Amino acid sequence: MERSRLSPGRRVSLGAMVCALTLLFLYASEVLTGFRFICCRICSFFVTVLVLEDLYLEAWLCYLCVCLLGFLLCPDRLSWFMYVALLGHYGIVRRFFQRFITVPAVRSLFTVLYCNAGAGLGLWAIHTIAGVDSLSLLPDIPLVVLVLLVEAAFFLLDILFEAATNLYQKRVRRFLLR
């Protein structure tokens, strides 16, 4: 749906709904630690709804709003750091890659490189800003195995993101924007 087809009221309401759902899942990832990974991945998808409707400004504003409110509301900031460093803007940047890189393998490579940069930034932020020893957060397995597992998780994230985007466009979009 083109941006001009959505009224300002619908754009605001869609942005508010995306912010609320993202905050809900971000808070759930902090409280339900066993489901942290799943809730963080779900909250990273909601901003994509705005991007798929060509509401890039609203998507960035939603990201910033969730970053600020998440800092105030989340009791434990580990998921918040992951959201700020990588997951919050992943959907926006991924859509940018989708638009301008037409070869799927190259696009996946760029998204994984972007994820690596975000993960590195997140570990740096946890270490320097929060004062947490980021190496103590890592599991006790060899670093090479850990890096390979993280790379596989980033590729899986890209595949799941594509599936969720297709599900939204084919099933949910028509009910949401009626």
N, C-alpha and C. Protein backbone atom coordinates (compact mmCIF):
# COMPACT_ATOMS: atom_id res chain seq x y z
N MET A 1 0.84 -1.17 0.00
CA MET A 1 0.00 0.00 0.00
C MET A 1 0.88 1.23 0.00
N GLU A 2 0.60 2.18 -0.85
CA GLU A 2 1.42 3.38 -0.96
C GLU A 2 1.17 4.29 0.22
N ARG A 3 2.17 5.09 0.50
CA ARG A 3 2.10 6.01 1.62
C ARG A 3 0.93 6.97 1.46
N SER A 4 0.67 7.43 0.25
CA SER A 4 -0.38 8.41 0.03
C SER A 4 -1.77 7.83 0.31
N ARG A 5 -1.90 6.52 0.30
CA ARG A 5 -3.19 5.89 0.53
C ARG A 5 -3.54 5.79 2.01
N LEU A 6 -2.57 5.95 2.88
CA LEU A 6 -2.84 5.91 4.31
C LEU A 6 -3.02 7.34 4.83
N SER A 7 -4.11 7.56 5.50
CA SER A 7 -4.36 8.89 6.06
C SER A 7 -3.40 9.13 7.22
N PRO A 8 -3.20 10.40 7.59
CA PRO A 8 -2.31 10.66 8.74
C PRO A 8 -2.77 9.97 10.02
N GLY A 9 -4.07 9.88 10.20
CA GLY A 9 -4.58 9.18 11.39
C GLY A 9 -4.23 7.70 11.38
N ARG A 10 -4.34 7.08 10.23
CA ARG A 10 -3.98 5.66 10.12
C ARG A 10 -2.49 5.45 10.31
N ARG A 11 -1.68 6.37 9.80
CA ARG A 11 -0.23 6.25 9.98
C ARG A 11 0.14 6.36 11.45
N VAL A 12 -0.48 7.31 12.16
CA VAL A 12 -0.20 7.48 13.58
C VAL A 12 -0.68 6.25 14.36
N SER A 13 -1.87 5.78 14.02
CA SER A 13 -2.39 4.62 14.75
C SER A 13 -1.57 3.36 14.47
N LEU A 14 -1.13 3.17 13.24
CA LEU A 14 -0.28 2.02 12.92
C LEU A 14 1.06 2.14 13.65
N GLY A 15 1.64 3.33 13.68
CA GLY A 15 2.90 3.54 14.40
C GLY A 15 2.76 3.29 15.90
N ALA A 16 1.64 3.76 16.47
CA ALA A 16 1.41 3.55 17.91
C ALA A 16 1.21 2.07 18.22
N MET A 17 0.51 1.38 17.33
CA MET A 17 0.29 -0.05 17.53
C MET A 17 1.61 -0.81 17.46
N VAL A 18 2.45 -0.45 16.50
CA VAL A 18 3.75 -1.10 16.36
C VAL A 18 4.61 -0.83 17.59
N CYS A 19 4.61 0.42 18.07
CA CYS A 19 5.39 0.75 19.28
C CYS A 19 4.90 -0.04 20.49
N ALA A 20 3.58 -0.11 20.65
CA ALA A 20 3.02 -0.82 21.81
C ALA A 20 3.36 -2.31 21.76
N LEU A 21 3.20 -2.93 20.61
CA LEU A 21 3.51 -4.36 20.50
C LEU A 21 5.00 -4.62 20.69
N THR A 22 5.83 -3.75 20.16
CA THR A 22 7.27 -3.92 20.32
C THR A 22 7.66 -3.79 21.78
N LEU A 23 7.12 -2.79 22.46
CA LEU A 23 7.43 -2.64 23.89
C LEU A 23 6.92 -3.82 24.70
N LEU A 24 5.76 -4.33 24.36
CA LEU A 24 5.21 -5.47 25.06
C LEU A 24 6.13 -6.69 24.94
N PHE A 25 6.58 -6.97 23.73
CA PHE A 25 7.45 -8.13 23.53
C PHE A 25 8.86 -7.88 24.08
N LEU A 26 9.32 -6.63 24.05
CA LEU A 26 10.62 -6.33 24.63
C LEU A 26 10.58 -6.53 26.15
N TYR A 27 9.50 -6.08 26.77
CA TYR A 27 9.34 -6.29 28.21
C TYR A 27 9.18 -7.78 28.52
N ALA A 28 8.42 -8.48 27.67
CA ALA A 28 8.25 -9.93 27.88
C ALA A 28 9.59 -10.66 27.77
N SER A 29 10.46 -10.20 26.89
CA SER A 29 11.77 -10.84 26.77
C SER A 29 12.62 -10.63 28.01
N GLU A 30 12.38 -9.54 28.72
CA GLU A 30 13.11 -9.30 29.96
C GLU A 30 12.56 -10.14 31.11
N VAL A 31 11.24 -10.28 31.15
CA VAL A 31 10.60 -10.98 32.26
C VAL A 31 10.63 -12.49 32.06
N LEU A 32 10.36 -12.94 30.85
CA LEU A 32 10.35 -14.38 30.54
C LEU A 32 11.71 -14.76 29.95
N THR A 33 12.70 -14.92 30.80
CA THR A 33 14.06 -15.11 30.32
C THR A 33 14.23 -16.38 29.48
N GLY A 34 13.41 -17.37 29.69
CA GLY A 34 13.49 -18.59 28.89
C GLY A 34 13.07 -18.36 27.45
N PHE A 35 12.28 -17.33 27.23
CA PHE A 35 11.80 -17.00 25.89
C PHE A 35 12.42 -15.72 25.35
N ARG A 36 13.56 -15.33 25.90
CA ARG A 36 14.21 -14.06 25.52
C ARG A 36 14.51 -14.01 24.03
N PHE A 37 15.09 -15.06 23.50
CA PHE A 37 15.48 -15.08 22.09
C PHE A 37 14.25 -14.94 21.19
N ILE A 38 13.21 -15.68 21.50
CA ILE A 38 11.99 -15.66 20.68
C ILE A 38 11.31 -14.30 20.75
N CYS A 39 11.16 -13.77 21.95
CA CYS A 39 10.49 -12.47 22.10
C CYS A 39 11.29 -11.34 21.45
N CYS A 40 12.61 -11.40 21.53
CA CYS A 40 13.43 -10.38 20.87
C CYS A 40 13.29 -10.45 19.36
N ARG A 41 13.23 -11.63 18.81
CA ARG A 41 13.05 -11.77 17.36
C ARG A 41 11.68 -11.27 16.93
N ILE A 42 10.67 -11.54 17.73
CA ILE A 42 9.33 -11.07 17.39
C ILE A 42 9.27 -9.54 17.46
N CYS A 43 9.87 -8.96 18.48
CA CYS A 43 9.80 -7.50 18.58
C CYS A 43 10.64 -6.83 17.49
N SER A 44 11.58 -7.54 16.91
CA SER A 44 12.33 -6.95 15.80
C SER A 44 11.53 -6.93 14.51
N PHE A 45 10.47 -7.73 14.43
CA PHE A 45 9.69 -7.77 13.19
C PHE A 45 8.67 -6.64 13.09
N PHE A 46 8.14 -6.16 14.20
CA PHE A 46 7.02 -5.23 14.15
C PHE A 46 7.33 -3.95 13.36
N VAL A 47 8.54 -3.44 13.46
CA VAL A 47 8.88 -2.23 12.73
C VAL A 47 8.84 -2.45 11.22
N THR A 48 8.97 -3.69 10.81
CA THR A 48 8.91 -4.02 9.39
C THR A 48 7.52 -3.75 8.82
N VAL A 49 6.50 -3.83 9.63
CA VAL A 49 5.15 -3.52 9.18
C VAL A 49 5.10 -2.09 8.65
N LEU A 50 5.74 -1.17 9.37
CA LEU A 50 5.78 0.22 8.91
C LEU A 50 6.61 0.37 7.64
N VAL A 51 7.70 -0.33 7.57
CA VAL A 51 8.58 -0.24 6.41
C VAL A 51 7.90 -0.80 5.16
N LEU A 52 7.16 -1.89 5.33
CA LEU A 52 6.47 -2.49 4.18
C LEU A 52 5.37 -1.57 3.65
N GLU A 53 4.90 -0.65 4.47
CA GLU A 53 3.90 0.32 4.03
C GLU A 53 4.55 1.62 3.57
N ASP A 54 5.87 1.60 3.38
CA ASP A 54 6.65 2.77 2.96
C ASP A 54 6.57 3.91 3.95
N LEU A 55 6.53 3.61 5.22
CA LEU A 55 6.50 4.60 6.29
C LEU A 55 7.86 4.59 7.00
N TYR A 56 8.89 5.00 6.29
CA TYR A 56 10.25 4.93 6.82
C TYR A 56 10.47 5.90 7.98
N LEU A 57 9.95 7.11 7.87
CA LEU A 57 10.09 8.08 8.95
C LEU A 57 9.39 7.56 10.20
N GLU A 58 8.20 7.04 10.05
CA GLU A 58 7.47 6.49 11.19
C GLU A 58 8.21 5.28 11.79
N ALA A 59 8.86 4.49 10.93
CA ALA A 59 9.61 3.33 11.42
C ALA A 59 10.79 3.78 12.28
N TRP A 60 11.53 4.79 11.83
CA TRP A 60 12.66 5.29 12.63
C TRP A 60 12.17 5.94 13.92
N LEU A 61 11.05 6.66 13.85
CA LEU A 61 10.49 7.27 15.06
C LEU A 61 10.03 6.21 16.05
N CYS A 62 9.44 5.14 15.54
CA CYS A 62 9.02 4.03 16.39
C CYS A 62 10.24 3.38 17.05
N TYR A 63 11.30 3.18 16.28
CA TYR A 63 12.53 2.61 16.83
C TYR A 63 13.07 3.48 17.96
N LEU A 64 13.14 4.79 17.74
CA LEU A 64 13.65 5.69 18.76
C LEU A 64 12.74 5.73 19.99
N CYS A 65 11.44 5.72 19.77
CA CYS A 65 10.48 5.72 20.88
C CYS A 65 10.63 4.46 21.73
N VAL A 66 10.74 3.32 21.08
CA VAL A 66 10.90 2.06 21.82
C VAL A 66 12.25 2.04 22.54
N CYS A 67 13.28 2.60 21.94
CA CYS A 67 14.58 2.66 22.62
C CYS A 67 14.47 3.47 23.91
N LEU A 68 13.83 4.62 23.84
CA LEU A 68 13.70 5.46 25.03
C LEU A 68 12.78 4.84 26.08
N LEU A 69 11.61 4.40 25.65
CA LEU A 69 10.67 3.80 26.60
C LEU A 69 11.18 2.47 27.14
N GLY A 70 11.85 1.70 26.32
CA GLY A 70 12.42 0.44 26.77
C GLY A 70 13.48 0.64 27.84
N PHE A 71 14.26 1.71 27.68
CA PHE A 71 15.26 2.02 28.70
C PHE A 71 14.60 2.32 30.04
N LEU A 72 13.46 2.99 29.99
CA LEU A 72 12.76 3.35 31.22
C LEU A 72 11.97 2.18 31.82
N LEU A 73 11.44 1.30 30.99
CA LEU A 73 10.51 0.27 31.45
C LEU A 73 11.13 -1.10 31.69
N CYS A 74 12.17 -1.44 30.98
CA CYS A 74 12.73 -2.79 31.08
C CYS A 74 13.56 -2.93 32.36
N PRO A 75 13.26 -3.95 33.16
CA PRO A 75 13.99 -4.13 34.42
C PRO A 75 15.44 -4.58 34.23
N ASP A 76 15.67 -5.48 33.32
CA ASP A 76 17.00 -5.97 33.01
C ASP A 76 17.30 -5.50 31.60
N ARG A 77 18.45 -4.95 31.34
CA ARG A 77 18.66 -4.26 30.08
C ARG A 77 19.36 -5.10 29.00
N LEU A 78 19.49 -6.39 29.19
CA LEU A 78 20.18 -7.21 28.19
C LEU A 78 19.40 -7.25 26.88
N SER A 79 18.11 -7.50 26.93
CA SER A 79 17.31 -7.50 25.71
C SER A 79 17.22 -6.11 25.11
N TRP A 80 17.19 -5.10 25.96
CA TRP A 80 17.16 -3.73 25.47
C TRP A 80 18.42 -3.41 24.69
N PHE A 81 19.58 -3.85 25.18
CA PHE A 81 20.83 -3.64 24.45
C PHE A 81 20.79 -4.34 23.09
N MET A 82 20.27 -5.57 23.07
CA MET A 82 20.17 -6.28 21.80
C MET A 82 19.24 -5.54 20.83
N TYR A 83 18.14 -5.00 21.37
CA TYR A 83 17.20 -4.27 20.53
C TYR A 83 17.84 -3.00 19.97
N VAL A 84 18.52 -2.25 20.81
CA VAL A 84 19.13 -0.99 20.37
C VAL A 84 20.26 -1.24 19.38
N ALA A 85 21.10 -2.23 19.67
CA ALA A 85 22.28 -2.47 18.84
C ALA A 85 21.95 -3.12 17.51
N LEU A 86 20.95 -3.98 17.46
CA LEU A 86 20.74 -4.74 16.23
C LEU A 86 19.28 -4.92 15.85
N LEU A 87 18.50 -5.44 16.73
CA LEU A 87 17.18 -5.94 16.36
C LEU A 87 16.18 -4.85 16.02
N GLY A 88 16.28 -3.71 16.62
CA GLY A 88 15.30 -2.66 16.39
C GLY A 88 15.32 -2.08 14.99
N HIS A 89 16.50 -1.90 14.47
CA HIS A 89 16.60 -1.30 13.14
C HIS A 89 16.93 -2.33 12.06
N TYR A 90 16.99 -3.58 12.42
CA TYR A 90 17.31 -4.63 11.45
C TYR A 90 16.27 -4.67 10.32
N GLY A 91 15.00 -4.57 10.66
CA GLY A 91 13.95 -4.64 9.64
C GLY A 91 14.00 -3.47 8.68
N ILE A 92 14.37 -2.30 9.16
CA ILE A 92 14.46 -1.12 8.30
C ILE A 92 15.62 -1.27 7.34
N VAL A 93 16.77 -1.64 7.86
CA VAL A 93 17.96 -1.78 7.02
C VAL A 93 17.82 -2.97 6.08
N ARG A 94 17.19 -4.03 6.53
CA ARG A 94 16.98 -5.20 5.67
C ARG A 94 16.12 -4.85 4.47
N ARG A 95 15.10 -4.05 4.70
CA ARG A 95 14.24 -3.61 3.58
C ARG A 95 15.04 -2.75 2.61
N PHE A 96 15.93 -1.92 3.13
CA PHE A 96 16.81 -1.12 2.28
C PHE A 96 17.67 -2.05 1.41
N PHE A 97 18.25 -3.08 2.01
CA PHE A 97 19.03 -4.05 1.23
C PHE A 97 18.15 -4.76 0.20
N GLN A 98 16.92 -5.07 0.58
CA GLN A 98 16.00 -5.76 -0.33
C GLN A 98 15.70 -4.91 -1.56
N ARG A 99 15.57 -3.63 -1.36
CA ARG A 99 15.23 -2.74 -2.47
C ARG A 99 16.38 -2.55 -3.45
N PHE A 100 17.60 -2.47 -2.93
CA PHE A 100 18.72 -2.08 -3.77
C PHE A 100 19.67 -3.21 -4.14
N ILE A 101 19.58 -4.35 -3.50
CA ILE A 101 20.43 -5.50 -3.85
C ILE A 101 19.51 -6.60 -4.35
N THR A 102 19.60 -6.89 -5.63
CA THR A 102 18.64 -7.81 -6.25
C THR A 102 19.07 -9.27 -6.18
N VAL A 103 20.33 -9.55 -6.00
CA VAL A 103 20.82 -10.92 -5.93
C VAL A 103 20.62 -11.44 -4.50
N PRO A 104 19.79 -12.48 -4.32
CA PRO A 104 19.47 -12.94 -2.95
C PRO A 104 20.69 -13.36 -2.13
N ALA A 105 21.67 -14.03 -2.72
CA ALA A 105 22.84 -14.47 -1.95
C ALA A 105 23.66 -13.28 -1.47
N VAL A 106 23.81 -12.28 -2.31
CA VAL A 106 24.56 -11.08 -1.92
C VAL A 106 23.79 -10.31 -0.85
N ARG A 107 22.48 -10.25 -1.01
CA ARG A 107 21.65 -9.57 -0.02
C ARG A 107 21.76 -10.26 1.34
N SER A 108 21.73 -11.59 1.36
CA SER A 108 21.88 -12.32 2.62
C SER A 108 23.25 -12.08 3.24
N LEU A 109 24.27 -12.02 2.40
CA LEU A 109 25.61 -11.75 2.89
C LEU A 109 25.68 -10.37 3.55
N PHE A 110 25.08 -9.38 2.92
CA PHE A 110 25.09 -8.04 3.50
C PHE A 110 24.29 -7.98 4.81
N THR A 111 23.17 -8.68 4.87
CA THR A 111 22.40 -8.67 6.12
C THR A 111 23.16 -9.36 7.25
N VAL A 112 23.88 -10.42 6.93
CA VAL A 112 24.67 -11.10 7.96
C VAL A 112 25.84 -10.22 8.41
N LEU A 113 26.48 -9.53 7.47
CA LEU A 113 27.54 -8.60 7.85
C LEU A 113 27.00 -7.48 8.72
N TYR A 114 25.81 -7.02 8.40
CA TYR A 114 25.16 -5.99 9.21
C TYR A 114 24.85 -6.52 10.60
N CYS A 115 24.39 -7.76 10.69
CA CYS A 115 24.14 -8.38 11.99
C CYS A 115 25.42 -8.52 12.79
N ASN A 116 26.52 -8.86 12.12
CA ASN A 116 27.80 -8.96 12.82
C ASN A 116 28.22 -7.62 13.39
N ALA A 117 28.03 -6.56 12.62
CA ALA A 117 28.37 -5.22 13.10
C ALA A 117 27.48 -4.85 14.30
N GLY A 118 26.20 -5.17 14.22
CA GLY A 118 25.29 -4.87 15.32
C GLY A 118 25.62 -5.68 16.57
N ALA A 119 25.96 -6.94 16.39
CA ALA A 119 26.31 -7.78 17.54
C ALA A 119 27.61 -7.27 18.18
N GLY A 120 28.56 -6.89 17.35
CA GLY A 120 29.81 -6.32 17.89
C GLY A 120 29.56 -5.03 18.64
N LEU A 121 28.70 -4.18 18.09
CA LEU A 121 28.35 -2.94 18.77
C LEU A 121 27.64 -3.22 20.09
N GLY A 122 26.76 -4.21 20.08
CA GLY A 122 26.06 -4.58 21.30
C GLY A 122 27.00 -5.08 22.38
N LEU A 123 27.93 -5.94 22.02
CA LEU A 123 28.90 -6.44 23.00
C LEU A 123 29.78 -5.31 23.52
N TRP A 124 30.17 -4.40 22.63
CA TRP A 124 30.97 -3.25 23.05
C TRP A 124 30.17 -2.38 24.02
N ALA A 125 28.89 -2.14 23.72
CA ALA A 125 28.05 -1.30 24.58
C ALA A 125 27.83 -1.94 25.94
N ILE A 126 27.59 -3.23 25.95
CA ILE A 126 27.41 -3.92 27.23
C ILE A 126 28.68 -3.82 28.07
N HIS A 127 29.83 -3.95 27.41
CA HIS A 127 31.10 -3.91 28.13
C HIS A 127 31.45 -2.50 28.60
N THR A 128 31.36 -1.51 27.72
CA THR A 128 31.82 -0.17 28.08
C THR A 128 30.76 0.68 28.78
N ILE A 129 29.55 0.66 28.29
CA ILE A 129 28.51 1.52 28.86
C ILE A 129 27.93 0.92 30.14
N ALA A 130 27.57 -0.36 30.07
CA ALA A 130 26.94 -0.99 31.23
C ALA A 130 27.95 -1.52 32.24
N GLY A 131 29.19 -1.65 31.82
CA GLY A 131 30.21 -2.14 32.73
C GLY A 131 30.12 -3.63 33.03
N VAL A 132 29.45 -4.37 32.15
CA VAL A 132 29.30 -5.81 32.33
C VAL A 132 30.41 -6.50 31.55
N ASP A 133 31.00 -7.52 32.15
CA ASP A 133 32.01 -8.30 31.44
C ASP A 133 31.29 -9.13 30.39
N SER A 134 31.38 -8.70 29.13
CA SER A 134 30.64 -9.37 28.06
C SER A 134 31.12 -10.79 27.81
N LEU A 135 32.35 -11.09 28.13
CA LEU A 135 32.85 -12.45 27.96
C LEU A 135 32.20 -13.41 28.96
N SER A 136 31.77 -12.89 30.11
CA SER A 136 31.11 -13.76 31.09
C SER A 136 29.70 -14.13 30.64
N LEU A 137 29.13 -13.38 29.70
CA LEU A 137 27.79 -13.69 29.18
C LEU A 137 27.81 -14.81 28.15
N LEU A 138 28.97 -15.04 27.57
CA LEU A 138 29.09 -16.05 26.53
C LEU A 138 29.15 -17.45 27.14
N PRO A 139 28.58 -18.43 26.44
CA PRO A 139 28.64 -19.80 26.96
C PRO A 139 30.07 -20.33 26.95
N ASP A 140 30.29 -21.37 27.72
CA ASP A 140 31.62 -21.94 27.87
C ASP A 140 31.89 -22.98 26.77
N ILE A 141 31.96 -22.49 25.53
CA ILE A 141 32.31 -23.34 24.39
C ILE A 141 33.41 -22.63 23.61
N PRO A 142 34.13 -23.35 22.76
CA PRO A 142 35.20 -22.70 21.99
C PRO A 142 34.66 -21.53 21.15
N LEU A 143 35.46 -20.50 21.02
CA LEU A 143 35.04 -19.28 20.33
C LEU A 143 34.71 -19.54 18.86
N VAL A 144 35.42 -20.42 18.20
CA VAL A 144 35.15 -20.73 16.80
C VAL A 144 33.76 -21.33 16.64
N VAL A 145 33.40 -22.24 17.53
CA VAL A 145 32.08 -22.86 17.48
C VAL A 145 31.01 -21.82 17.76
N LEU A 146 31.28 -20.94 18.71
CA LEU A 146 30.32 -19.88 19.03
C LEU A 146 30.10 -18.95 17.84
N VAL A 147 31.16 -18.56 17.17
CA VAL A 147 31.04 -17.68 16.00
C VAL A 147 30.24 -18.37 14.89
N LEU A 148 30.51 -19.65 14.66
CA LEU A 148 29.75 -20.39 13.64
C LEU A 148 28.27 -20.49 14.01
N LEU A 149 27.98 -20.70 15.28
CA LEU A 149 26.58 -20.76 15.72
C LEU A 149 25.89 -19.41 15.56
N VAL A 150 26.59 -18.35 15.87
CA VAL A 150 26.01 -17.01 15.72
C VAL A 150 25.76 -16.70 14.25
N GLU A 151 26.69 -17.06 13.38
CA GLU A 151 26.50 -16.83 11.94
C GLU A 151 25.29 -17.63 11.43
N ALA A 152 25.17 -18.87 11.88
CA ALA A 152 24.01 -19.68 11.49
C ALA A 152 22.72 -19.05 12.01
N ALA A 153 22.76 -18.51 13.22
CA ALA A 153 21.57 -17.85 13.78
C ALA A 153 21.21 -16.60 12.97
N PHE A 154 22.21 -15.87 12.48
CA PHE A 154 21.93 -14.69 11.66
C PHE A 154 21.31 -15.08 10.32
N PHE A 155 21.80 -16.16 9.71
CA PHE A 155 21.19 -16.64 8.47
C PHE A 155 19.77 -17.13 8.72
N LEU A 156 19.57 -17.81 9.84
CA LEU A 156 18.22 -18.26 10.21
C LEU A 156 17.31 -17.06 10.45
N LEU A 157 17.83 -16.02 11.09
CA LEU A 157 17.05 -14.80 11.30
C LEU A 157 16.61 -14.21 9.96
N ASP A 158 17.49 -14.21 9.00
CA ASP A 158 17.16 -13.66 7.68
C ASP A 158 16.07 -14.49 7.01
N ILE A 159 16.17 -15.80 7.11
CA ILE A 159 15.16 -16.68 6.50
C ILE A 159 13.81 -16.52 7.20
N LEU A 160 13.82 -16.48 8.53
CA LEU A 160 12.58 -16.31 9.28
C LEU A 160 11.96 -14.93 9.04
N PHE A 161 12.79 -13.93 8.89
CA PHE A 161 12.30 -12.60 8.61
C PHE A 161 11.61 -12.56 7.25
N GLU A 162 12.18 -13.24 6.28
CA GLU A 162 11.55 -13.31 4.95
C GLU A 162 10.21 -14.03 5.03
N ALA A 163 10.16 -15.11 5.78
CA ALA A 163 8.90 -15.85 5.93
C ALA A 163 7.84 -15.00 6.64
N ALA A 164 8.24 -14.29 7.68
CA ALA A 164 7.29 -13.43 8.40
C ALA A 164 6.82 -12.27 7.52
N THR A 165 7.70 -11.74 6.72
CA THR A 165 7.32 -10.65 5.80
C THR A 165 6.31 -11.15 4.79
N ASN A 166 6.55 -12.32 4.23
CA ASN A 166 5.60 -12.91 3.27
C ASN A 166 4.26 -13.21 3.93
N LEU A 167 4.28 -13.72 5.15
CA LEU A 167 3.05 -13.98 5.88
C LEU A 167 2.26 -12.69 6.10
N TYR A 168 2.94 -11.63 6.49
CA TYR A 168 2.27 -10.35 6.70
C TYR A 168 1.65 -9.84 5.39
N GLN A 169 2.42 -9.88 4.32
CA GLN A 169 1.94 -9.34 3.05
C GLN A 169 0.79 -10.15 2.47
N LYS A 170 0.81 -11.46 2.65
CA LYS A 170 -0.22 -12.31 2.04
C LYS A 170 -1.45 -12.50 2.91
N ARG A 171 -1.30 -12.48 4.25
CA ARG A 171 -2.42 -12.84 5.13
C ARG A 171 -2.90 -11.71 6.03
N VAL A 172 -1.98 -10.98 6.64
CA VAL A 172 -2.35 -10.05 7.70
C VAL A 172 -2.65 -8.64 7.18
N ARG A 173 -1.93 -8.21 6.18
CA ARG A 173 -2.01 -6.83 5.69
C ARG A 173 -3.42 -6.41 5.32
N ARG A 174 -4.15 -7.24 4.63
CA ARG A 174 -5.49 -6.87 4.18
C ARG A 174 -6.47 -6.68 5.34
N PHE A 175 -6.26 -7.40 6.44
CA PHE A 175 -7.13 -7.24 7.61
C PHE A 175 -6.72 -6.04 8.44
N LEU A 176 -5.44 -5.76 8.48
CA LEU A 176 -4.92 -4.67 9.30
C LEU A 176 -5.22 -3.30 8.71
N LEU A 177 -5.14 -3.20 7.40
CA LEU A 177 -5.28 -1.90 6.75
C LEU A 177 -6.57 -1.77 5.97
N ARG A 178 -7.59 -2.39 6.42
CA ARG A 178 -8.89 -2.33 5.75
C ARG A 178 -9.47 -0.96 5.76
